[in-house]
């Protein structure tokens, strides 16, 4: 009878470890995601943020979250048409201030300041 209890206790212990080992599959490593820097969203016919400051050599990504096509257009910037859900990324290798707007909606204005 004593051997039976030891065998039963061993089986229960093994099953407990097996259940614990079959967790969600996630490792113990950090799951914190780093947000991408320098994002400008296009939403409700606005650039957000309308003005962004970056360092020389950095890039900006514009993402169209609006239901209509927009552009990011200026003397040093030309995205072409950006349909809903599309993005445009540009690296700025020159210091200065770069104004831009949306060609179909010229009241939409933005500014990039590169230091």
PDB file of N, CA and C in Angstrom:
ATOM      1  N   UNK A   1       0.821  -1.188   0.000  1.00  0.00           N
ATOM      2  CA  UNK A   1       0.000   0.000   0.000  1.00  0.00           C
ATOM      3  C   UNK A   1       0.871   1.260   0.000  1.00  0.00           C
ATOM      4  N   UNK A   2       1.980   1.242   0.777  1.00  0.00           N
ATOM      5  CA  UNK A   2       2.866   2.383   0.843  1.00  0.00           C
ATOM      6  C   UNK A   2       3.481   2.656  -0.523  1.00  0.00           C
ATOM      7  N   UNK A   3       3.860   1.610  -1.293  1.00  0.00           N
ATOM      8  CA  UNK A   3       4.418   1.769  -2.628  1.00  0.00           C
ATOM      9  C   UNK A   3       3.393   2.419  -3.566  1.00  0.00           C
ATOM     10  N   UNK A   4       2.127   2.068  -3.391  1.00  0.00           N
ATOM     11  CA  UNK A   4       1.055   2.633  -4.208  1.00  0.00           C
ATOM     12  C   UNK A   4       0.950   4.137  -3.975  1.00  0.00           C
ATOM     13  N   UNK A   5       1.010   4.592  -2.723  1.00  0.00           N
ATOM     14  CA  UNK A   5       0.934   6.024  -2.400  1.00  0.00           C
ATOM     15  C   UNK A   5       2.139   6.788  -2.972  1.00  0.00           C
ATOM     16  N   UNK A   6       3.309   6.179  -2.878  1.00  0.00           N
ATOM     17  CA  UNK A   6       4.522   6.814  -3.422  1.00  0.00           C
ATOM     18  C   UNK A   6       4.393   6.926  -4.941  1.00  0.00           C
ATOM     19  N   UNK A   7       3.903   5.864  -5.585  1.00  0.00           N
ATOM     20  CA  UNK A   7       3.722   5.890  -7.044  1.00  0.00           C
ATOM     21  C   UNK A   7       2.693   6.941  -7.435  1.00  0.00           C
ATOM     22  N   UNK A   8       1.584   6.997  -6.716  1.00  0.00           N
ATOM     23  CA  UNK A   8       0.542   7.971  -6.998  1.00  0.00           C
ATOM     24  C   UNK A   8       1.054   9.399  -6.790  1.00  0.00           C
ATOM     25  N   UNK A   9       1.790   9.648  -5.721  1.00  0.00           N
ATOM     26  CA  UNK A   9       2.361  10.959  -5.452  1.00  0.00           C
ATOM     27  C   UNK A   9       3.357  11.348  -6.546  1.00  0.00           C
ATOM     28  N   UNK A  10       4.142  10.407  -7.010  1.00  0.00           N
ATOM     29  CA  UNK A  10       5.113  10.665  -8.091  1.00  0.00           C
ATOM     30  C   UNK A  10       4.402  11.040  -9.386  1.00  0.00           C
ATOM     31  N   UNK A  11       3.342  10.337  -9.708  1.00  0.00           N
ATOM     32  CA  UNK A  11       2.585  10.629 -10.935  1.00  0.00           C
ATOM     33  C   UNK A  11       1.949  12.012 -10.849  1.00  0.00           C
ATOM     34  N   UNK A  12       1.385  12.343  -9.704  1.00  0.00           N
ATOM     35  CA  UNK A  12       0.762  13.663  -9.529  1.00  0.00           C
ATOM     36  C   UNK A  12       1.816  14.762  -9.661  1.00  0.00           C
ATOM     37  N   UNK A  13       2.990  14.558  -9.076  1.00  0.00           N
ATOM     38  CA  UNK A  13       4.062  15.539  -9.158  1.00  0.00           C
ATOM     39  C   UNK A  13       4.512  15.730 -10.604  1.00  0.00           C
ATOM     40  N   UNK A  14       4.693  14.647 -11.316  1.00  0.00           N
ATOM     41  CA  UNK A  14       5.112  14.722 -12.725  1.00  0.00           C
ATOM     42  C   UNK A  14       4.056  15.447 -13.548  1.00  0.00           C
ATOM     43  N   UNK A  15       2.782  15.149 -13.314  1.00  0.00           N
ATOM     44  CA  UNK A  15       1.712  15.813 -14.060  1.00  0.00           C
ATOM     45  C   UNK A  15       1.670  17.306 -13.733  1.00  0.00           C
ATOM     46  N   UNK A  16       1.915  17.671 -12.484  1.00  0.00           N
ATOM     47  CA  UNK A  16       1.909  19.084 -12.097  1.00  0.00           C
ATOM     48  C   UNK A  16       3.017  19.832 -12.824  1.00  0.00           C
ATOM     49  N   UNK A  17       4.212  19.236 -12.861  1.00  0.00           N
ATOM     50  CA  UNK A  17       5.313  19.881 -13.582  1.00  0.00           C
ATOM     51  C   UNK A  17       5.023  19.967 -15.082  1.00  0.00           C
ATOM     52  N   UNK A  18       4.369  18.961 -15.626  1.00  0.00           N
ATOM     53  CA  UNK A  18       4.033  18.980 -17.056  1.00  0.00           C
ATOM     54  C   UNK A  18       3.033  20.098 -17.354  1.00  0.00           C
ATOM     55  N   UNK A  19       2.057  20.279 -16.492  1.00  0.00           N
ATOM     56  CA  UNK A  19       1.056  21.328 -16.693  1.00  0.00           C
ATOM     57  C   UNK A  19       1.703  22.701 -16.566  1.00  0.00           C
ATOM     58  N   UNK A  20       2.566  22.871 -15.572  1.00  0.00           N
ATOM     59  CA  UNK A  20       3.253  24.153 -15.404  1.00  0.00           C
ATOM     60  C   UNK A  20       4.136  24.437 -16.603  1.00  0.00           C
ATOM     61  N   UNK A  21       4.784  23.425 -17.133  1.00  0.00           N
ATOM     62  CA  UNK A  21       5.673  23.592 -18.286  1.00  0.00           C
ATOM     63  C   UNK A  21       4.927  23.899 -19.571  1.00  0.00           C
ATOM     64  N   UNK A  22       3.639  23.641 -19.619  1.00  0.00           N
ATOM     65  CA  UNK A  22       2.851  23.894 -20.825  1.00  0.00           C
ATOM     66  C   UNK A  22       2.128  25.223 -20.712  1.00  0.00           C
ATOM     67  N   UNK A  23       2.830  26.247 -20.299  1.00  0.00           N
ATOM     68  CA  UNK A  23       2.223  27.570 -20.145  1.00  0.00           C
ATOM     69  C   UNK A  23       1.871  28.161 -21.483  1.00  0.00           C
ATOM     70  N   UNK A  24       1.825  29.482 -21.541  1.00  0.00           N
ATOM     71  CA  UNK A  24       1.386  30.190 -22.740  1.00  0.00           C
ATOM     72  C   UNK A  24       2.423  30.185 -23.848  1.00  0.00           C
ATOM     73  N   UNK A  25       3.614  29.678 -23.561  1.00  0.00           N
ATOM     74  CA  UNK A  25       4.650  29.665 -24.586  1.00  0.00           C
ATOM     75  C   UNK A  25       5.467  30.934 -24.617  1.00  0.00           C
ATOM     76  N   UNK A  26       5.127  31.908 -23.808  1.00  0.00           N
ATOM     77  CA  UNK A  26       5.878  33.152 -23.762  1.00  0.00           C
ATOM     78  C   UNK A  26       7.081  32.955 -22.861  1.00  0.00           C
ATOM     79  N   UNK A  27       8.182  33.501 -23.273  1.00  0.00           N
ATOM     80  CA  UNK A  27       9.379  33.391 -22.446  1.00  0.00           C
ATOM     81  C   UNK A  27       9.321  34.429 -21.333  1.00  0.00           C
ATOM     82  N   UNK A  28      10.258  34.322 -20.439  1.00  0.00           N
ATOM     83  CA  UNK A  28      10.309  35.255 -19.320  1.00  0.00           C
ATOM     84  C   UNK A  28      10.926  36.586 -19.725  1.00  0.00           C
ATOM     85  N   UNK A  29      11.322  36.733 -20.978  1.00  0.00           N
ATOM     86  CA  UNK A  29      11.923  37.972 -21.439  1.00  0.00           C
ATOM     87  C   UNK A  29      10.885  39.082 -21.476  1.00  0.00           C
ATOM     88  N   UNK A  30      11.372  40.293 -21.465  1.00  0.00           N
ATOM     89  CA  UNK A  30      10.497  41.464 -21.488  1.00  0.00           C
ATOM     90  C   UNK A  30       9.695  41.499 -22.775  1.00  0.00           C
ATOM     91  N   UNK A  31       8.413  41.823 -22.664  1.00  0.00           N
ATOM     92  CA  UNK A  31       7.567  41.932 -23.848  1.00  0.00           C
ATOM     93  C   UNK A  31       7.277  43.385 -24.194  1.00  0.00           C
ATOM     94  N   UNK A  32       7.985  44.308 -23.566  1.00  0.00           N
ATOM     95  CA  UNK A  32       7.786  45.723 -23.852  1.00  0.00           C
ATOM     96  C   UNK A  32       8.266  46.022 -25.261  1.00  0.00           C
ATOM     97  N   UNK A  33       7.437  46.668 -26.055  1.00  0.00           N
ATOM     98  CA  UNK A  33       7.807  47.035 -27.405  1.00  0.00           C
ATOM     99  C   UNK A  33       8.221  48.498 -27.425  1.00  0.00           C
ATOM    100  N   UNK A  34       9.276  48.755 -28.171  1.00  0.00           N
ATOM    101  CA  UNK A  34       9.749  50.122 -28.303  1.00  0.00           C
ATOM    102  C   UNK A  34       8.996  50.771 -29.461  1.00  0.00           C
ATOM    103  N   UNK A  35       8.382  51.895 -29.202  1.00  0.00           N
ATOM    104  CA  UNK A  35       7.649  52.603 -30.252  1.00  0.00           C
ATOM    105  C   UNK A  35       8.638  53.200 -31.249  1.00  0.00           C
ATOM    106  N   UNK A  36       8.269  53.142 -32.504  1.00  0.00           N
ATOM    107  CA  UNK A  36       9.118  53.739 -33.529  1.00  0.00           C
ATOM    108  C   UNK A  36       9.119  55.253 -33.355  1.00  0.00           C
ATOM    109  N   UNK A  37      10.297  55.833 -33.522  1.00  0.00           N
ATOM    110  CA  UNK A  37      10.432  57.282 -33.365  1.00  0.00           C
ATOM    111  C   UNK A  37       9.955  57.997 -34.621  1.00  0.00           C
ATOM    112  N   UNK A  38       9.654  59.255 -34.456  1.00  0.00           N
ATOM    113  CA  UNK A  38       9.419  60.176 -35.562  1.00  0.00           C
ATOM    114  C   UNK A  38       8.295  59.726 -36.495  1.00  0.00           C
ATOM    115  N   UNK A  39       7.138  59.523 -35.929  1.00  0.00           N
ATOM    116  CA  UNK A  39       5.941  59.153 -36.693  1.00  0.00           C
ATOM    117  C   UNK A  39       5.035  60.373 -36.799  1.00  0.00           C
ATOM    118  N   UNK A  40       4.560  60.646 -38.004  1.00  0.00           N
ATOM    119  CA  UNK A  40       3.539  61.669 -38.222  1.00  0.00           C
ATOM    120  C   UNK A  40       2.332  60.944 -38.804  1.00  0.00           C
ATOM    121  N   UNK A  41       1.204  61.024 -38.108  1.00  0.00           N
ATOM    122  CA  UNK A  41      -0.003  60.409 -38.637  1.00  0.00           C
ATOM    123  C   UNK A  41      -0.813  61.448 -39.411  1.00  0.00           C
ATOM    124  N   UNK A  42      -1.522  60.971 -40.394  1.00  0.00           N
ATOM    125  CA  UNK A  42      -2.432  61.817 -41.181  1.00  0.00           C
ATOM    126  C   UNK A  42      -3.828  61.319 -40.846  1.00  0.00           C
ATOM    127  N   UNK A  43      -4.587  62.177 -40.162  1.00  0.00           N
ATOM    128  CA  UNK A  43      -5.903  61.765 -39.676  1.00  0.00           C
ATOM    129  C   UNK A  43      -6.805  62.993 -39.580  1.00  0.00           C
ATOM    130  N   UNK A  44      -8.032  62.830 -40.036  1.00  0.00           N
ATOM    131  CA  UNK A  44      -9.025  63.910 -40.017  1.00  0.00           C
ATOM    132  C   UNK A  44      -8.482  65.177 -40.683  1.00  0.00           C
ATOM    133  N   UNK A  45      -7.822  64.977 -41.822  1.00  0.00           N
ATOM    134  CA  UNK A  45      -7.291  66.068 -42.639  1.00  0.00           C
ATOM    135  C   UNK A  45      -6.291  66.941 -41.869  1.00  0.00           C
ATOM    136  N   UNK A  46      -5.459  66.286 -41.032  1.00  0.00           N
ATOM    137  CA  UNK A  46      -4.415  66.986 -40.278  1.00  0.00           C
ATOM    138  C   UNK A  46      -3.172  66.117 -40.209  1.00  0.00           C
ATOM    139  N   UNK A  47      -1.998  66.768 -40.151  1.00  0.00           N
ATOM    140  CA  UNK A  47      -0.753  66.092 -39.846  1.00  0.00           C
ATOM    141  C   UNK A  47      -0.572  66.172 -38.330  1.00  0.00           C
ATOM    142  N   UNK A  48      -0.266  65.049 -37.704  1.00  0.00           N
ATOM    143  CA  UNK A  48      -0.116  65.041 -36.254  1.00  0.00           C
ATOM    144  C   UNK A  48       1.160  64.299 -35.860  1.00  0.00           C
ATOM    145  N   UNK A  49       2.151  64.998 -35.333  1.00  0.00           N
ATOM    146  CA  UNK A  49       2.174  66.419 -35.034  1.00  0.00           C
ATOM    147  C   UNK A  49       2.380  67.246 -36.302  1.00  0.00           C
ATOM    148  N   UNK A  50       1.924  68.470 -36.267  1.00  0.00           N
ATOM    149  CA  UNK A  50       2.071  69.354 -37.430  1.00  0.00           C
ATOM    150  C   UNK A  50       3.512  69.848 -37.566  1.00  0.00           C
ATOM    151  N   UNK A  51       4.248  69.868 -36.458  1.00  0.00           N
ATOM    152  CA  UNK A  51       5.656  70.277 -36.482  1.00  0.00           C
ATOM    153  C   UNK A  51       6.460  69.237 -35.718  1.00  0.00           C
ATOM    154  N   UNK A  52       7.552  68.792 -36.313  1.00  0.00           N
ATOM    155  CA  UNK A  52       8.386  67.773 -35.678  1.00  0.00           C
ATOM    156  C   UNK A  52       9.850  68.173 -35.823  1.00  0.00           C
ATOM    157  N   UNK A  53      10.616  67.989 -34.751  1.00  0.00           N
ATOM    158  CA  UNK A  53      12.038  68.305 -34.756  1.00  0.00           C
ATOM    159  C   UNK A  53      12.830  67.005 -34.641  1.00  0.00           C
ATOM    160  N   UNK A  54      13.799  66.840 -35.536  1.00  0.00           N
ATOM    161  CA  UNK A  54      14.631  65.638 -35.548  1.00  0.00           C
ATOM    162  C   UNK A  54      16.098  66.054 -35.675  1.00  0.00           C
ATOM    163  N   UNK A  55      16.963  65.094 -35.549  1.00  0.00           N
ATOM    164  CA  UNK A  55      18.390  65.315 -35.747  1.00  0.00           C
ATOM    165  C   UNK A  55      18.772  64.944 -37.181  1.00  0.00           C
ATOM    166  N   UNK A  56      19.794  65.591 -37.692  1.00  0.00           N
ATOM    167  CA  UNK A  56      20.318  65.292 -39.029  1.00  0.00           C
ATOM    168  C   UNK A  56      20.619  63.795 -39.112  1.00  0.00           C
ATOM    169  N   UNK A  57      20.176  63.170 -40.193  1.00  0.00           N
ATOM    170  CA  UNK A  57      20.374  61.738 -40.398  1.00  0.00           C
ATOM    171  C   UNK A  57      19.218  60.875 -39.941  1.00  0.00           C
ATOM    172  N   UNK A  58      18.246  61.462 -39.228  1.00  0.00           N
ATOM    173  CA  UNK A  58      17.083  60.698 -38.785  1.00  0.00           C
ATOM    174  C   UNK A  58      16.005  60.696 -39.868  1.00  0.00           C
ATOM    175  N   UNK A  59      15.079  59.761 -39.739  1.00  0.00           N
ATOM    176  CA  UNK A  59      13.986  59.627 -40.701  1.00  0.00           C
ATOM    177  C   UNK A  59      12.655  59.913 -40.024  1.00  0.00           C
ATOM    178  N   UNK A  60      11.694  60.294 -40.834  1.00  0.00           N
ATOM    179  CA  UNK A  60      10.310  60.473 -40.393  1.00  0.00           C
ATOM    180  C   UNK A  60       9.449  59.553 -41.249  1.00  0.00           C
ATOM    181  N   UNK A  61       8.459  58.931 -40.607  1.00  0.00           N
ATOM    182  CA  UNK A  61       7.483  58.114 -41.324  1.00  0.00           C
ATOM    183  C   UNK A  61       6.120  58.770 -41.188  1.00  0.00           C
ATOM    184  N   UNK A  62       5.492  59.064 -42.325  1.00  0.00           N
ATOM    185  CA  UNK A  62       4.121  59.571 -42.354  1.00  0.00           C
ATOM    186  C   UNK A  62       3.209  58.391 -42.638  1.00  0.00           C
ATOM    187  N   UNK A  63       2.127  58.267 -41.873  1.00  0.00           N
ATOM    188  CA  UNK A  63       1.165  57.178 -42.050  1.00  0.00           C
ATOM    189  C   UNK A  63      -0.210  57.777 -42.279  1.00  0.00           C
ATOM    190  N   UNK A  64      -0.822  57.414 -43.411  1.00  0.00           N
ATOM    191  CA  UNK A  64      -2.161  57.921 -43.718  1.00  0.00           C
ATOM    192  C   UNK A  64      -3.209  57.051 -43.035  1.00  0.00           C
ATOM    193  N   UNK A  65      -3.828  57.592 -42.000  1.00  0.00           N
ATOM    194  CA  UNK A  65      -4.909  56.908 -41.294  1.00  0.00           C
ATOM    195  C   UNK A  65      -6.269  57.472 -41.687  1.00  0.00           C
ATOM    196  N   UNK A  66      -6.280  58.324 -42.697  1.00  0.00           N
ATOM    197  CA  UNK A  66      -7.522  58.940 -43.159  1.00  0.00           C
ATOM    198  C   UNK A  66      -8.189  58.048 -44.194  1.00  0.00           C
ATOM    199  N   UNK A  67      -9.431  58.357 -44.514  1.00  0.00           N
ATOM    200  CA  UNK A  67     -10.184  57.545 -45.475  1.00  0.00           C
ATOM    201  C   UNK A  67      -9.960  57.990 -46.917  1.00  0.00           C
ATOM    202  N   UNK A  68      -9.217  59.082 -47.115  1.00  0.00           N
ATOM    203  CA  UNK A  68      -8.955  59.586 -48.461  1.00  0.00           C
ATOM    204  C   UNK A  68      -7.458  59.644 -48.713  1.00  0.00           C
ATOM    205  N   UNK A  69      -7.086  59.795 -49.974  1.00  0.00           N
ATOM    206  CA  UNK A  69      -5.684  59.875 -50.368  1.00  0.00           C
ATOM    207  C   UNK A  69      -5.117  61.250 -50.039  1.00  0.00           C
ATOM    208  N   UNK A  70      -3.896  61.260 -49.496  1.00  0.00           N
ATOM    209  CA  UNK A  70      -3.184  62.490 -49.170  1.00  0.00           C
ATOM    210  C   UNK A  70      -1.780  62.416 -49.762  1.00  0.00           C
ATOM    211  N   UNK A  71      -1.061  63.542 -49.717  1.00  0.00           N
ATOM    212  CA  UNK A  71       0.348  63.574 -50.084  1.00  0.00           C
ATOM    213  C   UNK A  71       1.116  64.306 -48.991  1.00  0.00           C
ATOM    214  N   UNK A  72       2.416  64.118 -49.003  1.00  0.00           N
ATOM    215  CA  UNK A  72       3.336  64.897 -48.176  1.00  0.00           C
ATOM    216  C   UNK A  72       4.267  65.548 -49.191  1.00  0.00           C
ATOM    217  N   UNK A  73       4.052  66.847 -49.452  1.00  0.00           N
ATOM    218  CA  UNK A  73       4.717  67.502 -50.567  1.00  0.00           C
ATOM    219  C   UNK A  73       5.340  68.826 -50.142  1.00  0.00           C
ATOM    220  N   UNK A  74       6.622  68.984 -50.442  1.00  0.00           N
ATOM    221  CA  UNK A  74       7.354  70.218 -50.194  1.00  0.00           C
ATOM    222  C   UNK A  74       8.564  70.260 -51.112  1.00  0.00           C
ATOM    223  N   UNK A  75       9.400  71.280 -50.942  1.00  0.00           N
ATOM    224  CA  UNK A  75      10.562  71.399 -51.830  1.00  0.00           C
ATOM    225  C   UNK A  75      11.522  70.223 -51.685  1.00  0.00           C
ATOM    226  N   UNK A  76      11.624  69.645 -50.486  1.00  0.00           N
ATOM    227  CA  UNK A  76      12.541  68.525 -50.265  1.00  0.00           C
ATOM    228  C   UNK A  76      11.815  67.226 -49.935  1.00  0.00           C
ATOM    229  N   UNK A  77      10.482  67.229 -50.066  1.00  0.00           N
ATOM    230  CA  UNK A  77       9.665  66.069 -49.674  1.00  0.00           C
ATOM    231  C   UNK A  77       8.636  65.811 -50.766  1.00  0.00           C
ATOM    232  N   UNK A  78       8.508  64.548 -51.175  1.00  0.00           N
ATOM    233  CA  UNK A  78       7.477  64.215 -52.154  1.00  0.00           C
ATOM    234  C   UNK A  78       7.094  62.747 -51.995  1.00  0.00           C
ATOM    235  N   UNK A  79       6.007  62.526 -51.303  1.00  0.00           N
ATOM    236  CA  UNK A  79       5.565  61.160 -51.040  1.00  0.00           C
ATOM    237  C   UNK A  79       4.840  60.522 -52.214  1.00  0.00           C
ATOM    238  N   UNK A  80       4.288  61.355 -53.100  1.00  0.00           N
ATOM    239  CA  UNK A  80       3.343  60.815 -54.062  1.00  0.00           C
ATOM    240  C   UNK A  80       2.049  60.509 -53.325  1.00  0.00           C
ATOM    241  N   UNK A  81       1.039  59.978 -54.011  1.00  0.00           N
ATOM    242  CA  UNK A  81      -0.250  59.700 -53.369  1.00  0.00           C
ATOM    243  C   UNK A  81      -0.128  58.612 -52.302  1.00  0.00           C
ATOM    244  N   UNK A  82      -0.678  58.885 -51.143  1.00  0.00           N
ATOM    245  CA  UNK A  82      -0.713  57.910 -50.050  1.00  0.00           C
ATOM    246  C   UNK A  82      -2.168  57.537 -49.783  1.00  0.00           C
ATOM    247  N   UNK A  83      -2.553  56.359 -50.182  1.00  0.00           N
ATOM    248  CA  UNK A  83      -3.907  55.888 -49.915  1.00  0.00           C
ATOM    249  C   UNK A  83      -4.030  55.487 -48.443  1.00  0.00           C
ATOM    250  N   UNK A  84      -5.238  55.260 -47.992  1.00  0.00           N
ATOM    251  CA  UNK A  84      -5.496  54.868 -46.607  1.00  0.00           C
ATOM    252  C   UNK A  84      -4.620  53.664 -46.235  1.00  0.00           C
ATOM    253  N   UNK A  85      -3.952  53.778 -45.088  1.00  0.00           N
ATOM    254  CA  UNK A  85      -3.128  52.684 -44.598  1.00  0.00           C
ATOM    255  C   UNK A  85      -1.705  52.660 -45.138  1.00  0.00           C
ATOM    256  N   UNK A  86      -1.405  53.504 -46.101  1.00  0.00           N
ATOM    257  CA  UNK A  86      -0.062  53.536 -46.693  1.00  0.00           C
ATOM    258  C   UNK A  86       0.834  54.484 -45.905  1.00  0.00           C
ATOM    259  N   UNK A  87       2.149  54.281 -46.047  1.00  0.00           N
ATOM    260  CA  UNK A  87       3.095  55.139 -45.339  1.00  0.00           C
ATOM    261  C   UNK A  87       4.219  55.572 -46.273  1.00  0.00           C
ATOM    262  N   UNK A  88       4.929  56.582 -45.829  1.00  0.00           N
ATOM    263  CA  UNK A  88       6.053  57.158 -46.566  1.00  0.00           C
ATOM    264  C   UNK A  88       7.130  57.495 -45.549  1.00  0.00           C
ATOM    265  N   UNK A  89       8.357  57.083 -45.831  1.00  0.00           N
ATOM    266  CA  UNK A  89       9.470  57.336 -44.916  1.00  0.00           C
ATOM    267  C   UNK A  89      10.557  58.093 -45.650  1.00  0.00           C
ATOM    268  N   UNK A  90      11.088  59.138 -44.996  1.00  0.00           N
ATOM    269  CA  UNK A  90      12.160  59.924 -45.597  1.00  0.00           C
ATOM    270  C   UNK A  90      13.213  60.253 -44.544  1.00  0.00           C
ATOM    271  N   UNK A  91      14.471  60.083 -44.949  1.00  0.00           N
ATOM    272  CA  UNK A  91      15.606  60.444 -44.110  1.00  0.00           C
ATOM    273  C   UNK A  91      16.046  61.852 -44.480  1.00  0.00           C
ATOM    274  N   UNK A  92      16.376  62.652 -43.470  1.00  0.00           N
ATOM    275  CA  UNK A  92      16.802  64.034 -43.684  1.00  0.00           C
ATOM    276  C   UNK A  92      18.293  64.152 -43.349  1.00  0.00           C
ATOM    277  N   UNK A  93      19.091  64.382 -44.373  1.00  0.00           N
ATOM    278  CA  UNK A  93      20.537  64.481 -44.211  1.00  0.00           C
ATOM    279  C   UNK A  93      21.046  65.914 -44.245  1.00  0.00           C
ATOM    280  N   UNK A  94      20.154  66.868 -44.363  1.00  0.00           N
ATOM    281  CA  UNK A  94      20.504  68.290 -44.379  1.00  0.00           C
ATOM    282  C   UNK A  94      19.794  68.983 -43.222  1.00  0.00           C
ATOM    283  N   UNK A  95      20.500  69.889 -42.552  1.00  0.00           N
ATOM    284  CA  UNK A  95      19.864  70.668 -41.498  1.00  0.00           C
ATOM    285  C   UNK A  95      19.012  71.764 -42.139  1.00  0.00           C
ATOM    286  N   UNK A  96      17.954  72.148 -41.453  1.00  0.00           N
ATOM    287  CA  UNK A  96      17.099  73.207 -41.962  1.00  0.00           C
ATOM    288  C   UNK A  96      15.656  73.009 -41.554  1.00  0.00           C
ATOM    289  N   UNK A  97      14.800  73.878 -42.083  1.00  0.00           N
ATOM    290  CA  UNK A  97      13.356  73.810 -41.850  1.00  0.00           C
ATOM    291  C   UNK A  97      12.688  73.486 -43.170  1.00  0.00           C
ATOM    292  N   UNK A  98      11.847  72.469 -43.155  1.00  0.00           N
ATOM    293  CA  UNK A  98      11.205  71.989 -44.372  1.00  0.00           C
ATOM    294  C   UNK A  98       9.691  72.019 -44.185  1.00  0.00           C
ATOM    295  N   UNK A  99       9.047  72.945 -44.888  1.00  0.00           N
ATOM    296  CA  UNK A  99       7.593  73.043 -44.868  1.00  0.00           C
ATOM    297  C   UNK A  99       7.014  72.081 -45.893  1.00  0.00           C
ATOM    298  N   UNK A 100       5.846  71.542 -45.572  1.00  0.00           N
ATOM    299  CA  UNK A 100       5.174  70.658 -46.525  1.00  0.00           C
ATOM    300  C   UNK A 100       3.667  70.803 -46.368  1.00  0.00           C
ATOM    301  N   UNK A 101       2.949  70.288 -47.352  1.00  0.00           N
ATOM    302  CA  UNK A 101       1.486  70.312 -47.317  1.00  0.00           C
ATOM    303  C   UNK A 101       0.965  69.104 -48.078  1.00  0.00           C
ATOM    304  N   UNK A 102      -0.331  68.984 -48.130  1.00  0.00           N
ATOM    305  CA  UNK A 102      -1.001  67.939 -48.903  1.00  0.00           C
ATOM    306  C   UNK A 102      -1.489  68.582 -50.195  1.00  0.00           C
ATOM    307  N   UNK A 103      -1.057  68.064 -51.333  1.00  0.00           N
ATOM    308  CA  UNK A 103      -1.423  68.678 -52.612  1.00  0.00           C
ATOM    309  C   UNK A 103      -2.938  68.766 -52.826  1.00  0.00           C
ATOM    310  N   UNK A 104      -3.713  67.681 -52.618  1.00  0.00           N
ATOM    311  CA  UNK A 104      -5.161  67.800 -52.823  1.00  0.00           C
ATOM    312  C   UNK A 104      -5.862  68.655 -51.761  1.00  0.00           C
ATOM    313  N   UNK A 105      -5.220  68.821 -50.606  1.00  0.00           N
ATOM    314  CA  UNK A 105      -5.827  69.568 -49.489  1.00  0.00           C
ATOM    315  C   UNK A 105      -4.779  70.553 -48.954  1.00  0.00           C
ATOM    316  N   UNK A 106      -4.544  71.653 -49.664  1.00  0.00           N
ATOM    317  CA  UNK A 106      -3.429  72.553 -49.330  1.00  0.00           C
ATOM    318  C   UNK A 106      -3.531  73.236 -47.962  1.00  0.00           C
ATOM    319  N   UNK A 107      -4.678  73.182 -47.322  1.00  0.00           N
ATOM    320  CA  UNK A 107      -4.814  73.737 -45.975  1.00  0.00           C
ATOM    321  C   UNK A 107      -4.161  72.816 -44.936  1.00  0.00           C
ATOM    322  N   UNK A 108      -3.826  71.591 -45.336  1.00  0.00           N
ATOM    323  CA  UNK A 108      -3.099  70.677 -44.454  1.00  0.00           C
ATOM    324  C   UNK A 108      -1.622  71.011 -44.552  1.00  0.00           C
ATOM    325  N   UNK A 109      -1.039  71.494 -43.475  1.00  0.00           N
ATOM    326  CA  UNK A 109       0.343  71.941 -43.510  1.00  0.00           C
ATOM    327  C   UNK A 109       1.140  71.295 -42.366  1.00  0.00           C
ATOM    328  N   UNK A 110       2.435  71.109 -42.637  1.00  0.00           N
ATOM    329  CA  UNK A 110       3.325  70.578 -41.620  1.00  0.00           C
ATOM    330  C   UNK A 110       4.719  71.150 -41.779  1.00  0.00           C
ATOM    331  N   UNK A 111       5.556  70.871 -40.778  1.00  0.00           N
ATOM    332  CA  UNK A 111       6.921  71.405 -40.798  1.00  0.00           C
ATOM    333  C   UNK A 111       7.865  70.396 -40.157  1.00  0.00           C
ATOM    334  N   UNK A 112       9.022  70.195 -40.820  1.00  0.00           N
ATOM    335  CA  UNK A 112      10.099  69.374 -40.275  1.00  0.00           C
ATOM    336  C   UNK A 112      11.259  70.302 -39.963  1.00  0.00           C
ATOM    337  N   UNK A 113      11.762  70.239 -38.736  1.00  0.00           N
ATOM    338  CA  UNK A 113      12.946  71.004 -38.342  1.00  0.00           C
ATOM    339  C   UNK A 113      14.062  69.999 -38.101  1.00  0.00           C
ATOM    340  N   UNK A 114      15.145  70.138 -38.854  1.00  0.00           N
ATOM    341  CA  UNK A 114      16.282  69.226 -38.739  1.00  0.00           C
ATOM    342  C   UNK A 114      17.443  69.986 -38.122  1.00  0.00           C
ATOM    343  N   UNK A 115      17.937  69.493 -36.984  1.00  0.00           N
ATOM    344  CA  UNK A 115      19.039  70.154 -36.275  1.00  0.00           C
ATOM    345  C   UNK A 115      20.332  69.386 -36.444  1.00  0.00           C
TER     346      UNK A 115
END
